[in-house]
Amino acid sequence: MKTTTPDVSIIIVSFNTRDLLRECLQTLIKEAGTLCYEVLVIDNASADGSADMVAVEFPTVHLIRSTINLGFAAANNLGFAQAQGRYVVLLNSDAFLTAQALTKAVTFMEVHPNVGMSGARLMGRDGAWQPSARMFPSLLNHLLTLSGLSTKYAQSKFFGRVDRTWADPVEPASVDWVPGAFAIIPRSVLETVGYFDEQFFLYYEEVDLCKRIKMAGYEIWYLPEVIVIHLGGESSKTLENVVLSKSGTQVALWQLRSTFLFYRKHYGALRTWLWMQLENVWHLLRVWKNTLSTQPEQKLKVVHSQGIRQLLKQAWRDTNGGRISPPRPW
């Protein structure tokens, strides 16, 4: 790692991901090439020794220890404030660079000053493609996803619009937003539009930032030649499977809170309320449809939808209809 002023500051937020974080850092050092870079790890009060591991095994990494779990947005903001590079790269602790990925991302940004953020082609270890170029949330897009039409007609430019499943994944494209598992942003853009909005504890932070970047007149690009292996898509479970567990219920609640906060901020009170009603009515109909069934799968759908309806009410109360963010940590 170079000691001169870096071109790139790579920010990694970690929460109880010690072994993955070690692999992430090892891969980063191996694949960063000749770029002048620095690495900042923000540990969100991990209980698995993640911070100590970084301090001992990667002494050149700038380690920031938080005494509480700040969430994704606020933790990254600590890194933004101390980063020295001309470009800032967001990298998940479960994301691993491939050869030349970082160099290709920087090269693209250097010759496209109108681009405010770019993202990578995210893939699982098995080579499976993950959604990497997406459209902004809307009532229509939510209905397409909720109803399953976006999956059933994935090759349709209309029905597959949310994750651009109709598009050739090897073609670069100007898009609405890219996931924060890997994203590169010019520091000048961050200073212009501001850092992450810390009212988002988890989920929607990068969507909100991309929206602000586009509102400022910049473009967001998907770069398929920048390949990053990301475990999140492989290890994540469907809401059906996780919502019944304590941790899954918590995750679902976080998602709903952030949804209300995002919609209220960008679309106003009416569309926030309409989103809530759309979700609520959909799950009510799902309960009615499956409640008399004796099939275990149908009974699980009833329990799941009843749980979501309860969480909707709680998230609405917690955020006062998207007006306020609950105190951290959520």
Protein backbone atom coordinates (compact mmCIF):
# COMPACT_ATOMS: atom_id res chain seq x y z
CA MET A 1 0.00 0.00 0.00
CA LYS A 2 1.38 3.41 -0.96
CA THR A 3 2.04 6.11 1.64
CA THR A 4 1.67 9.10 -0.67
CA THR A 5 -1.57 11.05 -1.10
CA PRO A 6 -4.03 8.45 -2.39
CA ASP A 7 -6.06 8.57 -5.56
CA VAL A 8 -8.67 6.28 -4.03
CA SER A 9 -10.06 5.90 -0.52
CA ILE A 10 -11.74 2.52 0.00
CA ILE A 11 -14.28 2.54 2.83
CA ILE A 12 -15.45 -0.71 4.39
CA VAL A 13 -18.08 -0.84 7.12
CA SER A 14 -17.95 -4.00 9.22
CA PHE A 15 -20.34 -5.47 11.76
CA ASN A 16 -19.50 -8.94 13.06
CA THR A 17 -17.97 -10.10 9.78
CA ARG A 18 -14.40 -10.85 10.92
CA ASP A 19 -13.56 -13.74 8.60
CA LEU A 20 -15.23 -12.19 5.57
CA LEU A 21 -13.56 -8.87 6.34
CA ARG A 22 -10.17 -10.57 6.43
CA GLU A 23 -10.81 -12.14 3.02
CA CYS A 24 -12.11 -8.83 1.68
CA LEU A 25 -8.93 -7.00 2.74
CA GLN A 26 -6.63 -9.74 1.50
CA THR A 27 -8.33 -9.74 -1.89
CA LEU A 28 -8.28 -5.96 -2.05
CA ILE A 29 -4.54 -5.81 -1.42
CA LYS A 30 -3.94 -8.52 -4.02
CA GLU A 31 -6.13 -7.01 -6.75
CA ALA A 32 -5.69 -3.25 -6.26
CA GLY A 33 -2.86 -3.16 -8.78
CA THR A 34 -0.61 -0.10 -8.96
CA LEU A 35 -3.20 2.41 -7.81
CA CYS A 36 -2.30 4.70 -4.95
CA TYR A 37 -4.98 3.96 -2.37
CA GLU A 38 -5.88 3.95 1.29
CA VAL A 39 -8.28 1.69 3.18
CA LEU A 40 -10.54 2.83 5.99
CA VAL A 41 -12.44 0.23 8.02
CA ILE A 42 -15.24 1.46 10.25
CA ASP A 43 -16.15 -1.16 12.81
CA ASN A 44 -19.71 -0.83 14.08
CA ALA A 45 -19.10 -2.17 17.61
CA SER A 46 -18.55 -5.75 16.44
CA ALA A 47 -18.53 -8.42 19.13
CA ASP A 48 -16.50 -10.96 17.13
CA GLY A 49 -13.08 -9.36 17.32
CA SER A 50 -13.25 -7.81 13.85
CA ALA A 51 -11.57 -4.56 14.92
CA ASP A 52 -8.74 -6.30 16.77
CA MET A 53 -8.15 -8.55 13.76
CA VAL A 54 -7.75 -5.52 11.50
CA ALA A 55 -5.44 -3.79 13.97
CA VAL A 56 -3.15 -6.83 14.25
CA GLU A 57 -3.22 -8.28 10.73
CA PHE A 58 -3.60 -5.09 8.65
CA PRO A 59 -1.67 -2.35 10.48
CA THR A 60 -1.64 -0.03 7.46
CA VAL A 61 -5.44 0.09 7.37
CA HIS A 62 -6.98 3.15 8.96
CA LEU A 63 -9.26 1.60 11.60
CA ILE A 64 -12.12 3.58 13.11
CA ARG A 65 -13.84 1.94 16.08
CA SER A 66 -17.39 2.93 16.93
CA THR A 67 -18.71 2.13 20.39
CA ILE A 68 -22.24 1.61 19.02
CA ASN A 69 -23.72 0.24 15.82
CA LEU A 70 -24.14 3.43 13.81
CA GLY A 71 -25.68 1.72 10.82
CA PHE A 72 -24.43 1.85 7.24
CA ALA A 73 -24.94 5.54 6.46
CA ALA A 74 -23.46 7.12 9.59
CA ALA A 75 -20.51 4.70 9.65
CA ASN A 76 -19.63 5.46 6.03
CA ASN A 77 -19.88 9.15 6.80
CA LEU A 78 -17.11 8.76 9.38
CA GLY A 79 -14.98 7.33 6.59
CA PHE A 80 -15.98 10.06 4.13
CA ALA A 81 -14.88 12.72 6.61
CA GLN A 82 -11.39 11.24 6.96
CA ALA A 83 -10.81 9.95 3.43
CA GLN A 84 -8.05 11.66 1.47
CA GLY A 85 -8.54 10.21 -2.01
CA ARG A 86 -9.85 11.96 -5.11
CA TYR A 87 -12.29 9.07 -5.41
CA VAL A 88 -14.16 7.28 -2.64
CA VAL A 89 -15.02 3.60 -3.08
CA LEU A 90 -17.70 1.87 -1.03
CA LEU A 91 -16.93 -1.80 -0.52
CA ASN A 92 -18.93 -4.27 1.54
CA SER A 93 -17.02 -6.57 3.85
CA ASP A 94 -18.57 -9.52 1.99
CA ALA A 95 -17.50 -8.20 -1.42
CA PHE A 96 -14.26 -9.18 -3.14
CA LEU A 97 -12.55 -7.38 -6.00
CA THR A 98 -11.50 -9.29 -9.10
CA ALA A 99 -8.40 -8.51 -11.16
CA GLN A 100 -8.29 -4.94 -12.48
CA ALA A 101 -11.75 -4.11 -11.09
CA LEU A 102 -10.58 -1.08 -9.15
CA THR A 103 -8.31 0.15 -11.95
CA LYS A 104 -11.09 -0.13 -14.52
CA ALA A 105 -13.51 1.76 -12.27
CA VAL A 106 -11.06 4.62 -11.73
CA THR A 107 -10.16 4.76 -15.43
CA PHE A 108 -13.83 5.10 -16.39
CA MET A 109 -14.42 7.88 -13.88
CA GLU A 110 -11.32 9.77 -15.01
CA VAL A 111 -12.62 10.09 -18.58
CA HIS A 112 -16.27 10.72 -17.62
CA PRO A 113 -16.38 13.80 -15.36
CA ASN A 114 -20.17 13.97 -15.77
CA VAL A 115 -20.60 10.69 -13.87
CA GLY A 116 -21.30 11.08 -10.16
CA MET A 117 -21.30 7.41 -9.19
CA SER A 118 -20.59 4.08 -10.86
CA GLY A 119 -21.25 0.54 -9.75
CA ALA A 120 -19.94 -2.89 -10.58
CA ARG A 121 -21.32 -6.09 -12.03
CA LEU A 122 -22.07 -8.04 -8.85
CA MET A 123 -21.82 -11.83 -8.99
CA GLY A 124 -21.95 -14.68 -6.52
CA ARG A 125 -19.08 -17.12 -6.07
CA ASP A 126 -20.94 -19.46 -8.39
CA GLY A 127 -20.99 -16.82 -11.12
CA ALA A 128 -24.68 -16.07 -10.71
CA TRP A 129 -25.60 -12.50 -11.67
CA GLN A 130 -27.00 -10.22 -8.97
CA PRO A 131 -29.13 -7.11 -9.58
CA SER A 132 -26.53 -4.41 -10.18
CA ALA A 133 -28.32 -1.66 -12.15
CA ARG A 134 -31.70 -0.56 -10.87
CA MET A 135 -34.60 1.86 -11.21
CA PHE A 136 -35.68 4.23 -8.46
CA PRO A 137 -38.53 3.01 -6.23
CA SER A 138 -42.06 3.98 -7.24
CA LEU A 139 -45.58 2.76 -6.61
CA LEU A 140 -45.66 1.07 -10.02
CA ASN A 141 -42.28 -0.57 -9.55
CA HIS A 142 -43.31 -1.80 -6.12
CA LEU A 143 -46.52 -3.30 -7.50
CA LEU A 144 -44.59 -5.10 -10.23
CA THR A 145 -42.25 -6.59 -7.63
CA LEU A 146 -44.91 -7.37 -5.04
CA SER A 147 -47.14 -9.13 -7.58
CA GLY A 148 -44.29 -11.23 -8.96
CA LEU A 149 -44.81 -9.85 -12.48
CA SER A 150 -41.25 -8.50 -12.55
CA THR A 151 -39.97 -12.06 -12.05
CA LYS A 152 -42.51 -13.83 -14.25
CA TYR A 153 -41.83 -11.52 -17.18
CA ALA A 154 -38.20 -10.71 -16.45
CA GLN A 155 -37.32 -10.25 -20.14
CA SER A 156 -40.01 -7.63 -20.65
CA LYS A 157 -38.70 -4.08 -20.77
CA PHE A 158 -41.81 -2.95 -18.87
CA PHE A 159 -42.25 -5.72 -16.29
CA GLY A 160 -38.51 -6.26 -15.83
CA ARG A 161 -37.79 -2.57 -15.38
CA VAL A 162 -37.01 -2.58 -11.65
CA ASP A 163 -33.74 -4.53 -11.91
CA ARG A 164 -33.33 -4.12 -15.69
CA THR A 165 -33.55 -7.90 -16.06
CA TRP A 166 -34.40 -7.38 -19.73
CA ALA A 167 -31.02 -5.79 -20.45
CA ASP A 168 -27.79 -7.47 -21.52
CA PRO A 169 -25.70 -7.58 -18.30
CA VAL A 170 -22.45 -7.13 -20.25
CA GLU A 171 -23.54 -3.77 -21.68
CA PRO A 172 -22.66 -0.61 -19.70
CA ALA A 173 -25.59 1.68 -19.04
CA SER A 174 -26.71 4.93 -17.47
CA VAL A 175 -29.12 3.89 -14.69
CA ASP A 176 -31.02 5.29 -11.70
CA TRP A 177 -28.98 3.71 -8.91
CA VAL A 178 -26.36 1.08 -8.17
CA PRO A 179 -25.94 -1.02 -4.99
CA GLY A 180 -23.47 0.10 -2.35
CA ALA A 181 -21.71 -3.28 -2.23
CA PHE A 182 -19.28 -1.59 -4.62
CA ALA A 183 -19.58 1.99 -5.78
CA ILE A 184 -17.08 4.66 -6.79
CA ILE A 185 -17.78 8.36 -6.25
CA PRO A 186 -15.63 11.43 -6.95
CA ARG A 187 -14.90 13.27 -3.71
CA SER A 188 -15.91 16.51 -5.42
CA VAL A 189 -19.40 15.08 -6.01
CA LEU A 190 -19.73 14.03 -2.36
CA GLU A 191 -18.78 17.51 -1.24
CA THR A 192 -21.35 18.97 -3.65
CA VAL A 193 -24.38 16.81 -2.83
CA GLY A 194 -23.51 15.85 0.75
CA TYR A 195 -22.76 12.56 2.47
CA PHE A 196 -25.21 9.77 3.25
CA ASP A 197 -28.42 10.85 4.96
CA GLU A 198 -28.05 9.43 8.46
CA GLN A 199 -31.78 9.12 9.03
CA PHE A 200 -31.39 5.82 7.12
CA PHE A 201 -29.92 3.29 9.54
CA LEU A 202 -29.90 0.49 6.99
CA TYR A 203 -31.39 0.26 3.46
CA TYR A 204 -32.12 3.06 0.97
CA GLU A 205 -28.97 5.06 1.85
CA GLU A 206 -27.39 4.55 -1.57
CA VAL A 207 -30.74 5.00 -3.32
CA ASP A 208 -31.17 8.37 -1.64
CA LEU A 209 -27.58 9.39 -2.44
CA CYS A 210 -27.96 8.38 -6.10
CA LYS A 211 -31.17 10.37 -6.33
CA ARG A 212 -29.44 13.46 -4.96
CA ILE A 213 -26.49 12.94 -7.31
CA LYS A 214 -28.82 12.79 -10.32
CA MET A 215 -30.76 15.81 -9.10
CA ALA A 216 -27.45 17.69 -9.08
CA GLY A 217 -27.03 16.95 -12.80
CA TYR A 218 -24.66 13.98 -12.69
CA GLU A 219 -25.15 10.51 -14.20
CA ILE A 220 -25.07 7.10 -12.51
CA TRP A 221 -23.42 4.28 -14.48
CA TYR A 222 -23.34 0.51 -14.36
CA LEU A 223 -19.94 -0.89 -15.40
CA PRO A 224 -20.08 -4.59 -16.32
CA GLU A 225 -16.32 -4.80 -16.87
CA VAL A 226 -15.85 -4.02 -13.16
CA ILE A 227 -16.61 -7.42 -11.64
CA VAL A 228 -17.04 -7.84 -7.89
CA ILE A 229 -17.86 -11.09 -6.11
CA HIS A 230 -20.57 -10.39 -3.55
CA LEU A 231 -21.81 -12.94 -1.05
CA GLY A 232 -24.89 -11.01 0.02
CA GLY A 233 -26.91 -12.28 -2.92
CA GLU A 234 -25.94 -15.87 -2.23
CA SER A 235 -26.53 -15.88 1.51
CA SER A 236 -29.66 -13.75 1.67
CA LYS A 237 -32.99 -15.46 2.14
CA THR A 238 -36.43 -14.53 0.93
CA LEU A 239 -38.64 -12.58 3.30
CA GLU A 240 -40.88 -15.63 3.56
CA ASN A 241 -38.09 -17.56 5.21
CA VAL A 242 -36.61 -14.92 7.48
CA VAL A 243 -39.58 -12.90 8.65
CA LEU A 244 -40.62 -15.60 11.13
CA SER A 245 -37.30 -15.43 12.98
CA LYS A 246 -36.37 -12.72 15.46
CA SER A 247 -33.52 -11.43 13.32
CA GLY A 248 -35.61 -11.62 10.15
CA THR A 249 -38.40 -9.63 11.73
CA GLN A 250 -35.87 -6.97 12.71
CA VAL A 251 -34.51 -6.79 9.16
CA ALA A 252 -38.01 -6.49 7.69
CA LEU A 253 -38.83 -3.71 10.16
CA TRP A 254 -35.66 -1.82 9.17
CA GLN A 255 -36.59 -2.12 5.50
CA LEU A 256 -40.09 -0.79 6.10
CA ARG A 257 -38.88 2.12 8.22
CA SER A 258 -36.37 3.12 5.55
CA THR A 259 -39.01 2.80 2.84
CA PHE A 260 -41.31 5.23 4.63
CA LEU A 261 -38.44 7.64 5.25
CA PHE A 262 -37.38 7.54 1.59
CA TYR A 263 -40.87 7.97 0.17
CA ARG A 264 -41.73 10.83 2.52
CA LYS A 265 -38.45 12.61 1.73
CA HIS A 266 -38.65 12.32 -2.05
CA TYR A 267 -42.31 11.74 -2.93
CA GLY A 268 -44.31 13.38 -0.15
CA ALA A 269 -46.96 12.30 2.34
CA LEU A 270 -49.62 11.05 -0.10
CA ARG A 271 -47.44 8.59 -1.99
CA THR A 272 -45.92 7.39 1.29
CA TRP A 273 -49.41 6.59 2.56
CA LEU A 274 -50.35 4.99 -0.77
CA TRP A 275 -47.26 2.76 -0.62
CA MET A 276 -48.26 1.61 2.85
CA GLN A 277 -51.83 0.92 1.73
CA LEU A 278 -50.63 -1.00 -1.34
CA GLU A 279 -48.44 -3.23 0.81
CA ASN A 280 -51.11 -3.65 3.47
CA VAL A 281 -53.96 -4.51 1.08
CA TRP A 282 -51.77 -6.93 -0.87
CA HIS A 283 -50.97 -8.90 2.28
CA LEU A 284 -54.57 -8.75 3.49
CA LEU A 285 -55.71 -10.30 0.20
CA ARG A 286 -52.97 -12.90 0.56
CA VAL A 287 -54.27 -13.83 4.01
CA TRP A 288 -57.84 -14.17 2.71
CA LYS A 289 -56.72 -16.31 -0.21
CA ASN A 290 -54.71 -18.79 1.84
CA THR A 291 -56.37 -18.80 5.26
CA LEU A 292 -58.63 -21.83 4.63
CA SER A 293 -55.93 -23.96 3.07
CA THR A 294 -54.55 -26.98 4.90
CA GLN A 295 -51.30 -26.97 2.94
CA PRO A 296 -48.21 -26.08 5.03
CA GLU A 297 -46.91 -23.75 2.33
CA GLN A 298 -50.16 -21.81 2.23
CA LYS A 299 -50.30 -21.58 6.01
CA LEU A 300 -46.77 -20.15 5.99
CA LYS A 301 -47.91 -17.46 3.56
CA VAL A 302 -50.71 -16.50 5.95
CA VAL A 303 -48.33 -16.20 8.89
CA HIS A 304 -45.86 -14.24 6.79
CA SER A 305 -48.46 -11.75 5.53
CA GLN A 306 -49.96 -11.29 8.98
CA GLY A 307 -46.48 -10.56 10.28
CA ILE A 308 -45.78 -8.01 7.56
CA ARG A 309 -49.06 -6.21 8.28
CA GLN A 310 -48.09 -5.89 11.93
CA LEU A 311 -44.63 -4.64 11.01
CA LEU A 312 -46.15 -2.08 8.63
CA LYS A 313 -48.15 -0.60 11.50
CA GLN A 314 -45.11 -0.55 13.75
CA ALA A 315 -42.84 1.03 11.12
CA TRP A 316 -45.49 3.66 10.40
CA ARG A 317 -45.71 4.53 14.10
CA ASP A 318 -41.93 4.43 14.58
CA THR A 319 -41.33 6.91 11.76
CA ASN A 320 -44.51 8.95 12.21
CA GLY A 321 -45.46 8.18 8.64
CA GLY A 322 -41.93 8.70 7.34
CA ARG A 323 -41.40 12.03 9.11
CA ILE A 324 -38.78 11.00 11.70
CA SER A 325 -36.03 8.43 12.06
CA PRO A 326 -36.00 6.42 15.31
CA PRO A 327 -32.94 6.94 17.53
CA ARG A 328 -29.88 4.85 16.59
CA PRO A 329 -29.13 2.04 16.86
CA TRP A 330 -32.40 0.74 15.45
